[in-house]
Amino acid sequence: MNFIFAKLFEEYRRKNDSPRYSISLYISVVYFFLSFTILLPIKTFIDKKIFNDQIEYEKSSIMIVVSGLMAIILLFVYRIYIKNERILRLVERYKEIKINKVLLYFIIVLIPVILLLLAGIITVYLNGGKILGNEINGLLEQ
């Protein structure tokens, strides 16, 4: 992942497209979707096993938690990659390795989409549900 982040940062720098903020936003989105891949199955499992699907959530409380998670991730990413200049060290490390621009952009678009789809698929396979009209018994169901 660091290789992709470094090459994307180089592309932002070439285009004079505020690379520090653009790269921190992209890295935050990737980590945000990665956290969904981990947290969504856990949340669904806890709802089913501990609360027996009896707990109700309000949309506003969910939005507050999601927005807070995104803000925390963005803050940490900015501190780690930009303030500590880790992204510059990564660019220096991967300076000699080249990647095709089309492949780079394809990977950049595909990573968040795959992580988001993976979160839903893992959740359904672990806890049960429907995928494309097919009923799936979850691995964690009794």
N, C-alpha and C. Protein backbone atom coordinates (compact mmCIF):
# COMPACT_ATOMS: atom_id res chain seq x y z
N MET A 1 0.81 -1.19 0.00
CA MET A 1 0.00 0.00 0.00
C MET A 1 0.86 1.27 0.00
N ASN A 2 1.95 1.21 0.76
CA ASN A 2 2.82 2.38 0.82
C ASN A 2 3.37 2.74 -0.55
N PHE A 3 3.64 1.71 -1.36
CA PHE A 3 4.12 1.96 -2.72
C PHE A 3 3.09 2.74 -3.52
N ILE A 4 1.83 2.34 -3.43
CA ILE A 4 0.75 3.02 -4.15
C ILE A 4 0.61 4.45 -3.64
N PHE A 5 0.68 4.63 -2.32
CA PHE A 5 0.57 5.97 -1.75
C PHE A 5 1.71 6.86 -2.24
N ALA A 6 2.92 6.32 -2.29
CA ALA A 6 4.07 7.11 -2.73
C ALA A 6 3.94 7.51 -4.19
N LYS A 7 3.52 6.57 -5.03
CA LYS A 7 3.37 6.88 -6.46
C LYS A 7 2.23 7.86 -6.70
N LEU A 8 1.16 7.75 -5.95
CA LEU A 8 0.06 8.71 -6.08
C LEU A 8 0.51 10.10 -5.63
N PHE A 9 1.31 10.17 -4.58
CA PHE A 9 1.84 11.45 -4.12
C PHE A 9 2.71 12.09 -5.22
N GLU A 10 3.52 11.28 -5.90
CA GLU A 10 4.33 11.80 -7.00
C GLU A 10 3.45 12.36 -8.12
N GLU A 11 2.36 11.66 -8.42
CA GLU A 11 1.43 12.14 -9.45
C GLU A 11 0.79 13.47 -9.04
N TYR A 12 0.38 13.57 -7.79
CA TYR A 12 -0.20 14.83 -7.30
C TYR A 12 0.82 15.96 -7.39
N ARG A 13 2.08 15.65 -7.08
CA ARG A 13 3.12 16.68 -7.15
C ARG A 13 3.37 17.14 -8.57
N ARG A 14 3.33 16.21 -9.51
CA ARG A 14 3.53 16.57 -10.91
C ARG A 14 2.44 17.49 -11.42
N LYS A 15 1.24 17.30 -10.94
CA LYS A 15 0.10 18.09 -11.41
C LYS A 15 -0.12 19.36 -10.58
N ASN A 16 0.72 19.60 -9.58
CA ASN A 16 0.56 20.75 -8.67
C ASN A 16 -0.85 20.79 -8.09
N ASP A 17 -1.30 19.66 -7.59
CA ASP A 17 -2.68 19.49 -7.13
C ASP A 17 -2.73 19.34 -5.61
N SER A 18 -2.12 20.25 -4.89
CA SER A 18 -2.03 20.21 -3.42
C SER A 18 -1.80 18.79 -2.93
N PRO A 19 -0.62 18.25 -3.14
CA PRO A 19 -0.38 16.83 -2.87
C PRO A 19 -0.52 16.44 -1.40
N ARG A 20 -0.20 17.34 -0.50
CA ARG A 20 -0.26 16.97 0.93
C ARG A 20 -1.68 16.67 1.37
N TYR A 21 -2.63 17.48 0.95
CA TYR A 21 -4.01 17.28 1.38
C TYR A 21 -4.71 16.19 0.56
N SER A 22 -4.38 16.12 -0.71
CA SER A 22 -5.01 15.10 -1.55
C SER A 22 -4.58 13.70 -1.14
N ILE A 23 -3.30 13.52 -0.87
CA ILE A 23 -2.83 12.18 -0.49
C ILE A 23 -3.34 11.80 0.89
N SER A 24 -3.40 12.75 1.80
CA SER A 24 -3.92 12.40 3.13
C SER A 24 -5.40 12.06 3.07
N LEU A 25 -6.14 12.70 2.17
CA LEU A 25 -7.55 12.35 2.01
C LEU A 25 -7.71 10.96 1.40
N TYR A 26 -6.92 10.63 0.40
CA TYR A 26 -7.01 9.31 -0.22
C TYR A 26 -6.62 8.22 0.78
N ILE A 27 -5.52 8.41 1.49
CA ILE A 27 -5.08 7.41 2.47
C ILE A 27 -6.15 7.25 3.55
N SER A 28 -6.77 8.34 3.96
CA SER A 28 -7.83 8.26 4.97
C SER A 28 -9.02 7.47 4.46
N VAL A 29 -9.39 7.66 3.21
CA VAL A 29 -10.51 6.90 2.65
C VAL A 29 -10.18 5.41 2.61
N VAL A 30 -8.97 5.07 2.23
CA VAL A 30 -8.57 3.65 2.19
C VAL A 30 -8.63 3.06 3.59
N TYR A 31 -8.09 3.74 4.59
CA TYR A 31 -8.12 3.23 5.96
C TYR A 31 -9.55 3.22 6.52
N PHE A 32 -10.37 4.17 6.11
CA PHE A 32 -11.76 4.21 6.54
C PHE A 32 -12.51 2.98 6.03
N PHE A 33 -12.34 2.66 4.75
CA PHE A 33 -12.99 1.47 4.21
C PHE A 33 -12.40 0.20 4.78
N LEU A 34 -11.11 0.20 5.08
CA LEU A 34 -10.49 -0.95 5.72
C LEU A 34 -11.07 -1.15 7.12
N SER A 35 -11.31 -0.07 7.84
CA SER A 35 -11.92 -0.19 9.16
C SER A 35 -13.35 -0.73 9.06
N PHE A 36 -14.07 -0.37 7.99
CA PHE A 36 -15.40 -0.93 7.79
C PHE A 36 -15.33 -2.43 7.52
N THR A 37 -14.30 -2.86 6.79
CA THR A 37 -14.13 -4.28 6.51
C THR A 37 -13.93 -5.06 7.80
N ILE A 38 -13.34 -4.44 8.79
CA ILE A 38 -13.11 -5.10 10.07
C ILE A 38 -14.27 -4.90 11.03
N LEU A 39 -14.78 -3.67 11.14
CA LEU A 39 -15.76 -3.35 12.17
C LEU A 39 -17.19 -3.77 11.83
N LEU A 40 -17.57 -3.77 10.57
CA LEU A 40 -18.95 -4.11 10.20
C LEU A 40 -19.30 -5.55 10.55
N PRO A 41 -18.47 -6.54 10.23
CA PRO A 41 -18.82 -7.91 10.66
C PRO A 41 -18.86 -8.05 12.17
N ILE A 42 -17.96 -7.38 12.87
CA ILE A 42 -17.95 -7.45 14.34
C ILE A 42 -19.22 -6.84 14.91
N LYS A 43 -19.64 -5.68 14.41
CA LYS A 43 -20.86 -5.03 14.88
C LYS A 43 -22.08 -5.90 14.63
N THR A 44 -22.16 -6.49 13.45
CA THR A 44 -23.30 -7.34 13.13
C THR A 44 -23.32 -8.59 13.99
N PHE A 45 -22.16 -9.17 14.25
CA PHE A 45 -22.08 -10.34 15.11
C PHE A 45 -22.52 -10.01 16.53
N ILE A 46 -22.07 -8.88 17.06
CA ILE A 46 -22.45 -8.47 18.41
C ILE A 46 -23.95 -8.21 18.48
N ASP A 47 -24.50 -7.55 17.45
CA ASP A 47 -25.94 -7.32 17.43
C ASP A 47 -26.73 -8.62 17.46
N LYS A 48 -26.28 -9.62 16.73
CA LYS A 48 -27.01 -10.89 16.65
C LYS A 48 -26.83 -11.73 17.90
N LYS A 49 -25.61 -11.88 18.36
CA LYS A 49 -25.33 -12.80 19.47
C LYS A 49 -25.63 -12.22 20.84
N ILE A 50 -25.31 -10.99 21.06
CA ILE A 50 -25.48 -10.41 22.39
C ILE A 50 -26.85 -9.77 22.54
N PHE A 51 -27.28 -9.00 21.53
CA PHE A 51 -28.54 -8.26 21.64
C PHE A 51 -29.70 -8.93 20.91
N ASN A 52 -29.47 -10.08 20.28
CA ASN A 52 -30.52 -10.83 19.57
C ASN A 52 -31.29 -9.96 18.57
N ASP A 53 -30.61 -9.10 17.87
CA ASP A 53 -31.20 -8.19 16.87
C ASP A 53 -32.31 -7.31 17.44
N GLN A 54 -32.28 -7.02 18.74
CA GLN A 54 -33.32 -6.20 19.36
C GLN A 54 -32.91 -4.74 19.51
N ILE A 55 -31.68 -4.44 19.23
CA ILE A 55 -31.21 -3.06 19.40
C ILE A 55 -31.54 -2.26 18.15
N GLU A 56 -32.03 -1.06 18.35
CA GLU A 56 -32.39 -0.16 17.25
C GLU A 56 -31.40 1.01 17.23
N TYR A 57 -31.02 1.41 16.04
CA TYR A 57 -30.10 2.52 15.88
C TYR A 57 -30.82 3.66 15.18
N GLU A 58 -30.52 4.87 15.61
CA GLU A 58 -31.02 6.05 14.92
C GLU A 58 -30.01 6.45 13.85
N LYS A 59 -30.52 6.97 12.76
CA LYS A 59 -29.63 7.36 11.66
C LYS A 59 -28.65 8.44 12.10
N SER A 60 -29.10 9.36 12.94
CA SER A 60 -28.22 10.45 13.35
C SER A 60 -27.07 9.93 14.21
N SER A 61 -27.31 8.96 15.07
CA SER A 61 -26.23 8.43 15.90
C SER A 61 -25.23 7.66 15.06
N ILE A 62 -25.70 6.95 14.06
CA ILE A 62 -24.80 6.24 13.17
C ILE A 62 -23.94 7.23 12.38
N MET A 63 -24.55 8.30 11.90
CA MET A 63 -23.81 9.31 11.14
C MET A 63 -22.76 10.00 12.01
N ILE A 64 -23.07 10.23 13.27
CA ILE A 64 -22.11 10.85 14.18
C ILE A 64 -20.91 9.93 14.39
N VAL A 65 -21.16 8.64 14.59
CA VAL A 65 -20.07 7.69 14.79
C VAL A 65 -19.22 7.56 13.54
N VAL A 66 -19.85 7.47 12.38
CA VAL A 66 -19.12 7.34 11.12
C VAL A 66 -18.30 8.60 10.84
N SER A 67 -18.89 9.76 11.06
CA SER A 67 -18.16 11.02 10.85
C SER A 67 -17.01 11.16 11.83
N GLY A 68 -17.23 10.76 13.06
CA GLY A 68 -16.16 10.81 14.05
C GLY A 68 -15.02 9.88 13.71
N LEU A 69 -15.36 8.68 13.23
CA LEU A 69 -14.33 7.74 12.83
C LEU A 69 -13.52 8.29 11.67
N MET A 70 -14.19 8.90 10.70
CA MET A 70 -13.48 9.47 9.56
C MET A 70 -12.58 10.63 10.00
N ALA A 71 -13.06 11.46 10.91
CA ALA A 71 -12.25 12.58 11.39
C ALA A 71 -11.01 12.09 12.14
N ILE A 72 -11.18 11.06 12.96
CA ILE A 72 -10.04 10.51 13.71
C ILE A 72 -9.02 9.91 12.75
N ILE A 73 -9.50 9.16 11.77
CA ILE A 73 -8.58 8.56 10.79
C ILE A 73 -7.85 9.66 10.01
N LEU A 74 -8.57 10.68 9.59
CA LEU A 74 -7.95 11.78 8.84
C LEU A 74 -6.88 12.48 9.68
N LEU A 75 -7.16 12.71 10.94
CA LEU A 75 -6.20 13.34 11.83
C LEU A 75 -4.94 12.50 11.98
N PHE A 76 -5.11 11.19 12.24
CA PHE A 76 -3.95 10.32 12.39
C PHE A 76 -3.14 10.20 11.10
N VAL A 77 -3.82 10.08 9.98
CA VAL A 77 -3.12 9.97 8.70
C VAL A 77 -2.33 11.24 8.42
N TYR A 78 -2.93 12.40 8.66
CA TYR A 78 -2.22 13.65 8.42
C TYR A 78 -0.99 13.75 9.31
N ARG A 79 -1.15 13.35 10.57
CA ARG A 79 -0.01 13.42 11.49
C ARG A 79 1.09 12.46 11.11
N ILE A 80 0.72 11.22 10.77
CA ILE A 80 1.73 10.20 10.49
C ILE A 80 2.40 10.43 9.14
N TYR A 81 1.60 10.66 8.11
CA TYR A 81 2.16 10.73 6.76
C TYR A 81 2.67 12.11 6.38
N ILE A 82 2.01 13.17 6.81
CA ILE A 82 2.39 14.52 6.37
C ILE A 82 3.27 15.22 7.40
N LYS A 83 2.81 15.32 8.63
CA LYS A 83 3.58 16.03 9.65
C LYS A 83 4.93 15.37 9.91
N ASN A 84 4.93 14.05 10.00
CA ASN A 84 6.19 13.33 10.24
C ASN A 84 6.96 13.07 8.95
N GLU A 85 6.45 13.54 7.83
CA GLU A 85 7.08 13.46 6.51
C GLU A 85 7.37 12.01 6.10
N ARG A 86 6.51 11.10 6.53
CA ARG A 86 6.68 9.71 6.13
C ARG A 86 6.44 9.53 4.64
N ILE A 87 5.51 10.29 4.09
CA ILE A 87 5.22 10.17 2.66
C ILE A 87 6.44 10.56 1.82
N LEU A 88 7.20 11.54 2.29
CA LEU A 88 8.41 11.94 1.56
C LEU A 88 9.48 10.85 1.62
N ARG A 89 9.58 10.17 2.76
CA ARG A 89 10.52 9.05 2.87
C ARG A 89 10.08 7.89 1.99
N LEU A 90 8.77 7.67 1.89
CA LEU A 90 8.26 6.61 1.02
C LEU A 90 8.53 6.93 -0.44
N VAL A 91 8.34 8.18 -0.82
CA VAL A 91 8.62 8.59 -2.20
C VAL A 91 10.09 8.37 -2.50
N GLU A 92 10.95 8.71 -1.57
CA GLU A 92 12.39 8.52 -1.77
C GLU A 92 12.74 7.03 -1.88
N ARG A 93 12.10 6.21 -1.07
CA ARG A 93 12.37 4.77 -1.08
C ARG A 93 11.96 4.13 -2.40
N TYR A 94 10.80 4.52 -2.93
CA TYR A 94 10.26 3.91 -4.15
C TYR A 94 10.53 4.74 -5.40
N LYS A 95 11.50 5.63 -5.33
CA LYS A 95 11.80 6.52 -6.45
C LYS A 95 12.23 5.76 -7.70
N GLU A 96 12.99 4.70 -7.53
CA GLU A 96 13.54 3.96 -8.66
C GLU A 96 12.51 3.03 -9.32
N ILE A 97 11.48 2.66 -8.62
CA ILE A 97 10.49 1.72 -9.16
C ILE A 97 9.43 2.50 -9.94
N LYS A 98 9.17 2.05 -11.14
CA LYS A 98 8.20 2.72 -12.01
C LYS A 98 6.91 1.89 -12.08
N ILE A 99 5.79 2.58 -12.34
CA ILE A 99 4.51 1.92 -12.53
C ILE A 99 3.77 2.67 -13.64
N ASN A 100 3.07 1.93 -14.46
CA ASN A 100 2.29 2.50 -15.53
C ASN A 100 1.18 3.38 -14.93
N LYS A 101 0.95 4.56 -15.49
CA LYS A 101 -0.06 5.48 -14.95
C LYS A 101 -1.46 4.89 -15.01
N VAL A 102 -1.78 4.18 -16.09
CA VAL A 102 -3.11 3.58 -16.21
C VAL A 102 -3.31 2.54 -15.12
N LEU A 103 -2.30 1.72 -14.89
CA LEU A 103 -2.38 0.71 -13.84
C LEU A 103 -2.49 1.36 -12.46
N LEU A 104 -1.73 2.41 -12.24
CA LEU A 104 -1.79 3.12 -10.97
C LEU A 104 -3.18 3.68 -10.72
N TYR A 105 -3.76 4.34 -11.72
CA TYR A 105 -5.11 4.90 -11.54
C TYR A 105 -6.15 3.81 -11.38
N PHE A 106 -5.97 2.70 -12.07
CA PHE A 106 -6.89 1.57 -11.93
C PHE A 106 -6.84 1.02 -10.50
N ILE A 107 -5.64 0.87 -9.96
CA ILE A 107 -5.49 0.38 -8.59
C ILE A 107 -6.06 1.38 -7.59
N ILE A 108 -5.82 2.66 -7.83
CA ILE A 108 -6.30 3.71 -6.92
C ILE A 108 -7.82 3.71 -6.85
N VAL A 109 -8.48 3.50 -7.96
CA VAL A 109 -9.94 3.47 -7.96
C VAL A 109 -10.46 2.15 -7.40
N LEU A 110 -9.77 1.07 -7.69
CA LEU A 110 -10.26 -0.25 -7.32
C LEU A 110 -10.12 -0.57 -5.83
N ILE A 111 -9.09 -0.09 -5.18
CA ILE A 111 -8.85 -0.44 -3.77
C ILE A 111 -10.02 -0.05 -2.86
N PRO A 112 -10.51 1.19 -2.86
CA PRO A 112 -11.64 1.50 -1.98
C PRO A 112 -12.91 0.72 -2.33
N VAL A 113 -13.15 0.50 -3.61
CA VAL A 113 -14.35 -0.23 -4.02
C VAL A 113 -14.28 -1.67 -3.53
N ILE A 114 -13.13 -2.30 -3.70
CA ILE A 114 -12.96 -3.68 -3.24
C ILE A 114 -13.12 -3.77 -1.73
N LEU A 115 -12.54 -2.84 -0.99
CA LEU A 115 -12.66 -2.87 0.47
C LEU A 115 -14.11 -2.71 0.91
N LEU A 116 -14.85 -1.83 0.25
CA LEU A 116 -16.25 -1.62 0.61
C LEU A 116 -17.08 -2.86 0.31
N LEU A 117 -16.88 -3.46 -0.86
CA LEU A 117 -17.60 -4.68 -1.20
C LEU A 117 -17.21 -5.83 -0.29
N LEU A 118 -15.94 -5.90 0.05
CA LEU A 118 -15.46 -6.96 0.93
C LEU A 118 -16.09 -6.89 2.31
N ALA A 119 -16.31 -5.68 2.80
CA ALA A 119 -16.95 -5.51 4.11
C ALA A 119 -18.34 -6.13 4.11
N GLY A 120 -19.12 -5.86 3.08
CA GLY A 120 -20.47 -6.42 3.00
C GLY A 120 -20.47 -7.92 2.82
N ILE A 121 -19.59 -8.43 1.97
CA ILE A 121 -19.55 -9.86 1.70
C ILE A 121 -19.12 -10.64 2.95
N ILE A 122 -18.10 -10.16 3.65
CA ILE A 122 -17.66 -10.82 4.88
C ILE A 122 -18.77 -10.82 5.91
N THR A 123 -19.46 -9.70 6.04
CA THR A 123 -20.55 -9.60 7.01
C THR A 123 -21.65 -10.61 6.70
N VAL A 124 -22.02 -10.72 5.46
CA VAL A 124 -23.09 -11.65 5.08
C VAL A 124 -22.65 -13.09 5.26
N TYR A 125 -21.44 -13.42 4.88
CA TYR A 125 -20.99 -14.80 5.03
C TYR A 125 -20.81 -15.21 6.49
N LEU A 126 -20.43 -14.30 7.35
CA LEU A 126 -20.27 -14.64 8.75
C LEU A 126 -21.61 -14.67 9.50
N ASN A 127 -22.48 -13.71 9.21
CA ASN A 127 -23.68 -13.55 10.00
C ASN A 127 -24.96 -13.94 9.28
N GLY A 128 -24.88 -14.28 8.02
CA GLY A 128 -26.07 -14.67 7.26
C GLY A 128 -26.72 -13.47 6.61
N GLY A 129 -27.51 -13.75 5.58
CA GLY A 129 -28.21 -12.69 4.88
C GLY A 129 -28.40 -13.05 3.43
N LYS A 130 -28.58 -12.05 2.59
CA LYS A 130 -28.80 -12.27 1.17
C LYS A 130 -27.73 -11.56 0.35
N ILE A 131 -27.24 -12.27 -0.67
CA ILE A 131 -26.35 -11.69 -1.66
C ILE A 131 -26.93 -12.04 -3.02
N LEU A 132 -27.26 -11.03 -3.80
CA LEU A 132 -27.80 -11.21 -5.15
C LEU A 132 -28.99 -12.17 -5.17
N GLY A 133 -29.84 -12.06 -4.16
CA GLY A 133 -31.06 -12.87 -4.10
C GLY A 133 -30.86 -14.26 -3.54
N ASN A 134 -29.65 -14.63 -3.21
CA ASN A 134 -29.38 -15.95 -2.64
C ASN A 134 -29.30 -15.85 -1.12
N GLU A 135 -30.08 -16.66 -0.43
CA GLU A 135 -30.06 -16.69 1.03
C GLU A 135 -28.83 -17.46 1.48
N ILE A 136 -28.07 -16.87 2.39
CA ILE A 136 -26.85 -17.49 2.87
C ILE A 136 -26.95 -17.65 4.39
N ASN A 137 -26.74 -18.87 4.84
CA ASN A 137 -26.67 -19.13 6.28
C ASN A 137 -25.28 -18.74 6.75
N GLY A 138 -25.23 -17.89 7.76
CA GLY A 138 -23.95 -17.41 8.23
C GLY A 138 -23.14 -18.49 8.94
N LEU A 139 -21.84 -18.36 8.88
CA LEU A 139 -20.96 -19.31 9.54
C LEU A 139 -21.07 -19.23 11.06
N LEU A 140 -21.45 -18.08 11.57
CA LEU A 140 -21.54 -17.90 13.00
C LEU A 140 -22.94 -18.10 13.57
N GLU A 141 -23.90 -18.44 12.70
CA GLU A 141 -25.25 -18.69 13.17
C GLU A 141 -25.33 -20.08 13.76
N GLN A 142 -26.30 -20.26 14.65
CA GLN A 142 -26.49 -21.60 15.25
C GLN A 142 -27.65 -22.29 14.63
